[in-house]
Amino acid sequence: MKLFVAKLNFSTNADSLQSLFEQYGEVVTAKVIMDRDTGRSKGYGFVEMTHDDDALMAISELNNSEFEGRDIVVKKSEPTG
């Protein structure tokens, strides 16, 4: 299951994001979206987890929780288009 993670600290990187979610299960990918012009984080990212049950647990535990000084939003990523 792919998760959308918003309101990230601008200093959060993919490694710290992956470490956070690995507490709940196997992480396939963790990515912080960067602005291609400035190279700065856009403050959101995506985490893909192997097992849906682990992803749902991560949502329930991490949504509106504090991470690296910011209250983050975690929800299921909805396909665009």
PDB file of N, CA and C in Angstrom:
ATOM      1  N   MET A   1       0.850  -1.185   0.000  1.00  0.00           N
ATOM      2  CA  MET A   1       0.000   0.000   0.000  1.00  0.00           C
ATOM      3  C   MET A   1       0.890   1.242   0.000  1.00  0.00           C
ATOM      4  N   LYS A   2       0.494   2.207  -0.800  1.00  0.00           N
ATOM      5  CA  LYS A   2       1.249   3.450  -0.886  1.00  0.00           C
ATOM      6  C   LYS A   2       0.593   4.501   0.008  1.00  0.00           C
ATOM      7  N   LEU A   3       1.418   5.169   0.808  1.00  0.00           N
ATOM      8  CA  LEU A   3       0.933   6.176   1.742  1.00  0.00           C
ATOM      9  C   LEU A   3       1.430   7.558   1.349  1.00  0.00           C
ATOM     10  N   PHE A   4       0.598   8.549   1.589  1.00  0.00           N
ATOM     11  CA  PHE A   4       0.937   9.950   1.381  1.00  0.00           C
ATOM     12  C   PHE A   4       1.262  10.535   2.752  1.00  0.00           C
ATOM     13  N   VAL A   5       2.411  11.215   2.844  1.00  0.00           N
ATOM     14  CA  VAL A   5       2.844  11.803   4.111  1.00  0.00           C
ATOM     15  C   VAL A   5       3.055  13.297   3.884  1.00  0.00           C
ATOM     16  N   ALA A   6       2.289  14.128   4.603  1.00  0.00           N
ATOM     17  CA  ALA A   6       2.346  15.572   4.398  1.00  0.00           C
ATOM     18  C   ALA A   6       2.773  16.297   5.671  1.00  0.00           C
ATOM     19  N   LYS A   7       3.056  17.586   5.511  1.00  0.00           N
ATOM     20  CA  LYS A   7       3.472  18.477   6.604  1.00  0.00           C
ATOM     21  C   LYS A   7       4.812  18.050   7.196  1.00  0.00           C
ATOM     22  N   LEU A   8       5.687  17.500   6.349  1.00  0.00           N
ATOM     23  CA  LEU A   8       7.009  17.086   6.814  1.00  0.00           C
ATOM     24  C   LEU A   8       7.877  18.305   7.095  1.00  0.00           C
ATOM     25  N   ASN A   9       8.791  18.126   8.034  1.00  0.00           N
ATOM     26  CA  ASN A   9       9.821  19.122   8.262  1.00  0.00           C
ATOM     27  C   ASN A   9      10.642  19.229   6.973  1.00  0.00           C
ATOM     28  N   PHE A  10      11.034  20.437   6.593  1.00  0.00           N
ATOM     29  CA  PHE A  10      11.775  20.602   5.333  1.00  0.00           C
ATOM     30  C   PHE A  10      13.151  19.945   5.366  1.00  0.00           C
ATOM     31  N   SER A  11      13.630  19.572   6.557  1.00  0.00           N
ATOM     32  CA  SER A  11      14.920  18.886   6.648  1.00  0.00           C
ATOM     33  C   SER A  11      14.775  17.368   6.648  1.00  0.00           C
ATOM     34  N   THR A  12      13.546  16.862   6.667  1.00  0.00           N
ATOM     35  CA  THR A  12      13.324  15.410   6.636  1.00  0.00           C
ATOM     36  C   THR A  12      13.802  14.841   5.308  1.00  0.00           C
ATOM     37  N   ASN A  13      14.517  13.717   5.378  1.00  0.00           N
ATOM     38  CA  ASN A  13      14.971  13.064   4.147  1.00  0.00           C
ATOM     39  C   ASN A  13      14.375  11.659   4.047  1.00  0.00           C
ATOM     40  N   ALA A  14      14.617  11.024   2.919  1.00  0.00           N
ATOM     41  CA  ALA A  14      14.032   9.701   2.663  1.00  0.00           C
ATOM     42  C   ALA A  14      14.473   8.673   3.695  1.00  0.00           C
ATOM     43  N   ASP A  15      15.711   8.763   4.150  1.00  0.00           N
ATOM     44  CA  ASP A  15      16.212   7.783   5.120  1.00  0.00           C
ATOM     45  C   ASP A  15      15.471   7.883   6.450  1.00  0.00           C
ATOM     46  N   SER A  16      15.263   9.113   6.944  1.00  0.00           N
ATOM     47  CA  SER A  16      14.564   9.259   8.225  1.00  0.00           C
ATOM     48  C   SER A  16      13.094   8.875   8.083  1.00  0.00           C
ATOM     49  N   LEU A  17      12.501   9.173   6.920  1.00  0.00           N
ATOM     50  CA  LEU A  17      11.120   8.778   6.657  1.00  0.00           C
ATOM     51  C   LEU A  17      10.995   7.258   6.646  1.00  0.00           C
ATOM     52  N   GLN A  18      11.936   6.587   5.990  1.00  0.00           N
ATOM     53  CA  GLN A  18      11.924   5.125   5.941  1.00  0.00           C
ATOM     54  C   GLN A  18      12.083   4.545   7.342  1.00  0.00           C
ATOM     55  N   SER A  19      12.990   5.098   8.132  1.00  0.00           N
ATOM     56  CA  SER A  19      13.207   4.598   9.493  1.00  0.00           C
ATOM     57  C   SER A  19      11.947   4.718  10.341  1.00  0.00           C
ATOM     58  N   LEU A  20      11.233   5.823  10.188  1.00  0.00           N
ATOM     59  CA  LEU A  20       9.994   6.028  10.939  1.00  0.00           C
ATOM     60  C   LEU A  20       8.983   4.936  10.617  1.00  0.00           C
ATOM     61  N   PHE A  21       8.783   4.654   9.340  1.00  0.00           N
ATOM     62  CA  PHE A  21       7.757   3.693   8.929  1.00  0.00           C
ATOM     63  C   PHE A  21       8.189   2.250   9.126  1.00  0.00           C
ATOM     64  N   GLU A  22       9.498   1.983   9.173  1.00  0.00           N
ATOM     65  CA  GLU A  22       9.977   0.612   9.396  1.00  0.00           C
ATOM     66  C   GLU A  22       9.609   0.099  10.783  1.00  0.00           C
ATOM     67  N   GLN A  23       9.237   1.006  11.689  1.00  0.00           N
ATOM     68  CA  GLN A  23       8.771   0.567  13.006  1.00  0.00           C
ATOM     69  C   GLN A  23       7.467  -0.219  12.897  1.00  0.00           C
ATOM     70  N   TYR A  24       6.769  -0.070  11.768  1.00  0.00           N
ATOM     71  CA  TYR A  24       5.458  -0.692  11.594  1.00  0.00           C
ATOM     72  C   TYR A  24       5.470  -1.842  10.598  1.00  0.00           C
ATOM     73  N   GLY A  25       6.563  -2.017   9.872  1.00  0.00           N
ATOM     74  CA  GLY A  25       6.638  -3.116   8.921  1.00  0.00           C
ATOM     75  C   GLY A  25       7.627  -2.817   7.812  1.00  0.00           C
ATOM     76  N   GLU A  26       7.643  -3.711   6.839  1.00  0.00           N
ATOM     77  CA  GLU A  26       8.597  -3.617   5.736  1.00  0.00           C
ATOM     78  C   GLU A  26       8.241  -2.477   4.789  1.00  0.00           C
ATOM     79  N   VAL A  27       9.241  -1.626   4.544  1.00  0.00           N
ATOM     80  CA  VAL A  27       9.072  -0.481   3.643  1.00  0.00           C
ATOM     81  C   VAL A  27       9.704  -0.811   2.296  1.00  0.00           C
ATOM     82  N   VAL A  28       8.931  -0.666   1.218  1.00  0.00           N
ATOM     83  CA  VAL A  28       9.444  -0.906  -0.130  1.00  0.00           C
ATOM     84  C   VAL A  28      10.213   0.324  -0.601  1.00  0.00           C
ATOM     85  N   THR A  29       9.576   1.495  -0.509  1.00  0.00           N
ATOM     86  CA  THR A  29      10.220   2.751  -0.892  1.00  0.00           C
ATOM     87  C   THR A  29       9.756   3.865   0.038  1.00  0.00           C
ATOM     88  N   ALA A  30      10.629   4.838   0.211  1.00  0.00           N
ATOM     89  CA  ALA A  30      10.292   6.059   0.941  1.00  0.00           C
ATOM     90  C   ALA A  30      10.905   7.207   0.154  1.00  0.00           C
ATOM     91  N   LYS A  31      10.087   8.206  -0.156  1.00  0.00           N
ATOM     92  CA  LYS A  31      10.559   9.287  -1.015  1.00  0.00           C
ATOM     93  C   LYS A  31      10.014  10.621  -0.512  1.00  0.00           C
ATOM     94  N   VAL A  32      10.915  11.596  -0.379  1.00  0.00           N
ATOM     95  CA  VAL A  32      10.512  12.968  -0.071  1.00  0.00           C
ATOM     96  C   VAL A  32      10.535  13.729  -1.390  1.00  0.00           C
ATOM     97  N   ILE A  33       9.459  14.426  -1.688  1.00  0.00           N
ATOM     98  CA  ILE A  33       9.362  15.153  -2.955  1.00  0.00           C
ATOM     99  C   ILE A  33      10.135  16.466  -2.856  1.00  0.00           C
ATOM    100  N   MET A  34      11.035  16.666  -3.818  1.00  0.00           N
ATOM    101  CA  MET A  34      11.895  17.848  -3.827  1.00  0.00           C
ATOM    102  C   MET A  34      11.490  18.794  -4.953  1.00  0.00           C
ATOM    103  N   ASP A  35      11.651  20.076  -4.689  1.00  0.00           N
ATOM    104  CA  ASP A  35      11.418  21.091  -5.724  1.00  0.00           C
ATOM    105  C   ASP A  35      12.609  21.056  -6.673  1.00  0.00           C
ATOM    106  N   ARG A  36      12.354  20.824  -7.953  1.00  0.00           N
ATOM    107  CA  ARG A  36      13.486  20.658  -8.866  1.00  0.00           C
ATOM    108  C   ARG A  36      14.225  21.969  -9.133  1.00  0.00           C
ATOM    109  N   ASP A  37      13.581  23.105  -8.908  1.00  0.00           N
ATOM    110  CA  ASP A  37      14.252  24.385  -9.123  1.00  0.00           C
ATOM    111  C   ASP A  37      15.149  24.772  -7.951  1.00  0.00           C
ATOM    112  N   THR A  38      14.646  24.573  -6.720  1.00  0.00           N
ATOM    113  CA  THR A  38      15.407  25.006  -5.540  1.00  0.00           C
ATOM    114  C   THR A  38      16.170  23.869  -4.872  1.00  0.00           C
ATOM    115  N   GLY A  39      15.771  22.621  -5.144  1.00  0.00           N
ATOM    116  CA  GLY A  39      16.403  21.482  -4.479  1.00  0.00           C
ATOM    117  C   GLY A  39      15.926  21.282  -3.050  1.00  0.00           C
ATOM    118  N   ARG A  40      14.957  22.095  -2.601  1.00  0.00           N
ATOM    119  CA  ARG A  40      14.419  21.976  -1.247  1.00  0.00           C
ATOM    120  C   ARG A  40      13.236  21.016  -1.239  1.00  0.00           C
ATOM    121  N   SER A  41      13.015  20.443  -0.066  1.00  0.00           N
ATOM    122  CA  SER A  41      11.857  19.581   0.118  1.00  0.00           C
ATOM    123  C   SER A  41      10.578  20.388  -0.067  1.00  0.00           C
ATOM    124  N   LYS A  42       9.574  19.745  -0.640  1.00  0.00           N
ATOM    125  CA  LYS A  42       8.261  20.384  -0.756  1.00  0.00           C
ATOM    126  C   LYS A  42       7.402  20.118   0.482  1.00  0.00           C
ATOM    127  N   GLY A  43       7.950  19.358   1.439  1.00  0.00           N
ATOM    128  CA  GLY A  43       7.235  19.127   2.693  1.00  0.00           C
ATOM    129  C   GLY A  43       6.278  17.947   2.665  1.00  0.00           C
ATOM    130  N   TYR A  44       6.388  17.114   1.641  1.00  0.00           N
ATOM    131  CA  TYR A  44       5.564  15.906   1.610  1.00  0.00           C
ATOM    132  C   TYR A  44       6.319  14.790   0.901  1.00  0.00           C
ATOM    133  N   GLY A  45       5.795  13.586   1.057  1.00  0.00           N
ATOM    134  CA  GLY A  45       6.443  12.449   0.419  1.00  0.00           C
ATOM    135  C   GLY A  45       5.510  11.255   0.355  1.00  0.00           C
ATOM    136  N   PHE A  46       6.075  10.150  -0.071  1.00  0.00           N
ATOM    137  CA  PHE A  46       5.315   8.914  -0.224  1.00  0.00           C
ATOM    138  C   PHE A  46       6.115   7.768   0.376  1.00  0.00           C
ATOM    139  N   VAL A  47       5.404   6.844   1.003  1.00  0.00           N
ATOM    140  CA  VAL A  47       6.013   5.633   1.551  1.00  0.00           C
ATOM    141  C   VAL A  47       5.191   4.468   1.039  1.00  0.00           C
ATOM    142  N   GLU A  48       5.859   3.473   0.498  1.00  0.00           N
ATOM    143  CA  GLU A  48       5.160   2.267   0.067  1.00  0.00           C
ATOM    144  C   GLU A  48       5.553   1.134   0.996  1.00  0.00           C
ATOM    145  N   MET A  49       4.535   0.464   1.547  1.00  0.00           N
ATOM    146  CA  MET A  49       4.771  -0.636   2.474  1.00  0.00           C
ATOM    147  C   MET A  49       4.298  -1.948   1.854  1.00  0.00           C
ATOM    148  N   THR A  50       5.001  -3.031   2.197  1.00  0.00           N
ATOM    149  CA  THR A  50       4.722  -4.344   1.626  1.00  0.00           C
ATOM    150  C   THR A  50       3.335  -4.855   1.989  1.00  0.00           C
ATOM    151  N   HIS A  51       2.974  -4.733   3.258  1.00  0.00           N
ATOM    152  CA  HIS A  51       1.728  -5.327   3.748  1.00  0.00           C
ATOM    153  C   HIS A  51       0.712  -4.244   4.108  1.00  0.00           C
ATOM    154  N   ASP A  52      -0.510  -4.394   3.595  1.00  0.00           N
ATOM    155  CA  ASP A  52      -1.571  -3.419   3.862  1.00  0.00           C
ATOM    156  C   ASP A  52      -1.852  -3.269   5.359  1.00  0.00           C
ATOM    157  N   ASP A  53      -1.829  -4.379   6.102  1.00  0.00           N
ATOM    158  CA  ASP A  53      -2.093  -4.304   7.549  1.00  0.00           C
ATOM    159  C   ASP A  53      -1.071  -3.412   8.244  1.00  0.00           C
ATOM    160  N   ASP A  54       0.200  -3.533   7.858  1.00  0.00           N
ATOM    161  CA  ASP A  54       1.248  -2.694   8.441  1.00  0.00           C
ATOM    162  C   ASP A  54       1.027  -1.226   8.079  1.00  0.00           C
ATOM    163  N   ALA A  55       0.639  -0.991   6.829  1.00  0.00           N
ATOM    164  CA  ALA A  55       0.400   0.380   6.369  1.00  0.00           C
ATOM    165  C   ALA A  55      -0.771   1.002   7.130  1.00  0.00           C
ATOM    166  N   LEU A  56      -1.834   0.228   7.337  1.00  0.00           N
ATOM    167  CA  LEU A  56      -2.989   0.742   8.081  1.00  0.00           C
ATOM    168  C   LEU A  56      -2.621   1.042   9.527  1.00  0.00           C
ATOM    169  N   MET A  57      -1.770   0.214  10.118  1.00  0.00           N
ATOM    170  CA  MET A  57      -1.298   0.464  11.484  1.00  0.00           C
ATOM    171  C   MET A  57      -0.462   1.740  11.521  1.00  0.00           C
ATOM    172  N   ALA A  58       0.399   1.927  10.528  1.00  0.00           N
ATOM    173  CA  ALA A  58       1.218   3.137  10.468  1.00  0.00           C
ATOM    174  C   ALA A  58       0.339   4.375  10.345  1.00  0.00           C
ATOM    175  N   ILE A  59      -0.719   4.299   9.532  1.00  0.00           N
ATOM    176  CA  ILE A  59      -1.640   5.436   9.400  1.00  0.00           C
ATOM    177  C   ILE A  59      -2.258   5.753  10.761  1.00  0.00           C
ATOM    178  N   SER A  60      -2.772   4.729  11.431  1.00  0.00           N
ATOM    179  CA  SER A  60      -3.474   4.982  12.689  1.00  0.00           C
ATOM    180  C   SER A  60      -2.529   5.495  13.770  1.00  0.00           C
ATOM    181  N   GLU A  61      -1.277   5.053  13.756  1.00  0.00           N
ATOM    182  CA  GLU A  61      -0.325   5.472  14.782  1.00  0.00           C
ATOM    183  C   GLU A  61       0.350   6.813  14.470  1.00  0.00           C
ATOM    184  N   LEU A  62       0.598   7.082  13.191  1.00  0.00           N
ATOM    185  CA  LEU A  62       1.426   8.240  12.833  1.00  0.00           C
ATOM    186  C   LEU A  62       0.642   9.466  12.383  1.00  0.00           C
ATOM    187  N   ASN A  63      -0.588   9.290  11.924  1.00  0.00           N
ATOM    188  CA  ASN A  63      -1.359  10.453  11.473  1.00  0.00           C
ATOM    189  C   ASN A  63      -1.550  11.422  12.641  1.00  0.00           C
ATOM    190  N   ASN A  64      -1.258  12.694  12.407  1.00  0.00           N
ATOM    191  CA  ASN A  64      -1.338  13.746  13.427  1.00  0.00           C
ATOM    192  C   ASN A  64      -0.361  13.546  14.577  1.00  0.00           C
ATOM    193  N   SER A  65       0.730  12.793  14.331  1.00  0.00           N
ATOM    194  CA  SER A  65       1.759  12.635  15.359  1.00  0.00           C
ATOM    195  C   SER A  65       2.925  13.571  15.054  1.00  0.00           C
ATOM    196  N   GLU A  66       3.760  13.786  16.059  1.00  0.00           N
ATOM    197  CA  GLU A  66       4.891  14.692  15.899  1.00  0.00           C
ATOM    198  C   GLU A  66       6.094  13.914  15.367  1.00  0.00           C
ATOM    199  N   PHE A  67       6.720  14.428  14.308  1.00  0.00           N
ATOM    200  CA  PHE A  67       7.932  13.824  13.731  1.00  0.00           C
ATOM    201  C   PHE A  67       8.865  14.950  13.307  1.00  0.00           C
ATOM    202  N   GLU A  68      10.053  14.941  13.884  1.00  0.00           N
ATOM    203  CA  GLU A  68      11.069  15.963  13.581  1.00  0.00           C
ATOM    204  C   GLU A  68      10.511  17.380  13.738  1.00  0.00           C
ATOM    205  N   GLY A  69       9.715  17.567  14.806  1.00  0.00           N
ATOM    206  CA  GLY A  69       9.235  18.899  15.147  1.00  0.00           C
ATOM    207  C   GLY A  69       7.961  19.352  14.452  1.00  0.00           C
ATOM    208  N   ARG A  70       7.374  18.504  13.622  1.00  0.00           N
ATOM    209  CA  ARG A  70       6.139  18.871  12.906  1.00  0.00           C
ATOM    210  C   ARG A  70       5.083  17.805  13.131  1.00  0.00           C
ATOM    211  N   ASP A  71       3.815  18.216  13.192  1.00  0.00           N
ATOM    212  CA  ASP A  71       2.707  17.258  13.243  1.00  0.00           C
ATOM    213  C   ASP A  71       2.405  16.815  11.820  1.00  0.00           C
ATOM    214  N   ILE A  72       2.685  15.560  11.534  1.00  0.00           N
ATOM    215  CA  ILE A  72       2.559  15.074  10.160  1.00  0.00           C
ATOM    216  C   ILE A  72       1.174  14.503   9.886  1.00  0.00           C
ATOM    217  N   VAL A  73       0.824  14.448   8.609  1.00  0.00           N
ATOM    218  CA  VAL A  73      -0.417  13.840   8.143  1.00  0.00           C
ATOM    219  C   VAL A  73      -0.037  12.587   7.361  1.00  0.00           C
ATOM    220  N   VAL A  74      -0.670  11.465   7.694  1.00  0.00           N
ATOM    221  CA  VAL A  74      -0.404  10.203   7.001  1.00  0.00           C
ATOM    222  C   VAL A  74      -1.739   9.617   6.566  1.00  0.00           C
ATOM    223  N   LYS A  75      -1.861   9.351   5.261  1.00  0.00           N
ATOM    224  CA  LYS A  75      -3.084   8.731   4.764  1.00  0.00           C
ATOM    225  C   LYS A  75      -2.766   7.896   3.538  1.00  0.00           C
ATOM    226  N   LYS A  76      -3.728   7.073   3.170  1.00  0.00           N
ATOM    227  CA  LYS A  76      -3.569   6.245   1.972  1.00  0.00           C
ATOM    228  C   LYS A  76      -3.446   7.158   0.760  1.00  0.00           C
ATOM    229  N   SER A  77      -2.486   6.867  -0.083  1.00  0.00           N
ATOM    230  CA  SER A  77      -2.293   7.651  -1.301  1.00  0.00           C
ATOM    231  C   SER A  77      -3.386   7.289  -2.304  1.00  0.00           C
ATOM    232  N   GLU A  78      -4.050   8.309  -2.806  1.00  0.00           N
ATOM    233  CA  GLU A  78      -5.105   8.084  -3.789  1.00  0.00           C
ATOM    234  C   GLU A  78      -4.526   8.264  -5.192  1.00  0.00           C
ATOM    235  N   PRO A  79      -4.840   7.353  -6.109  1.00  0.00           N
ATOM    236  CA  PRO A  79      -4.336   7.499  -7.483  1.00  0.00           C
ATOM    237  C   PRO A  79      -4.852   8.808  -8.107  1.00  0.00           C
ATOM    238  N   THR A  80      -3.996   9.466  -8.852  1.00  0.00           N
ATOM    239  CA  THR A  80      -4.404  10.704  -9.517  1.00  0.00           C
ATOM    240  C   THR A  80      -4.970  10.384 -10.889  1.00  0.00           C
ATOM    241  N   GLY A  81      -5.766  11.310 -11.402  1.00  0.00           N
ATOM    242  CA  GLY A  81      -6.298  11.143 -12.737  1.00  0.00           C
ATOM    243  C   GLY A  81      -7.624  10.588 -12.687  1.00  0.00           C
TER     244      GLY A  81
END
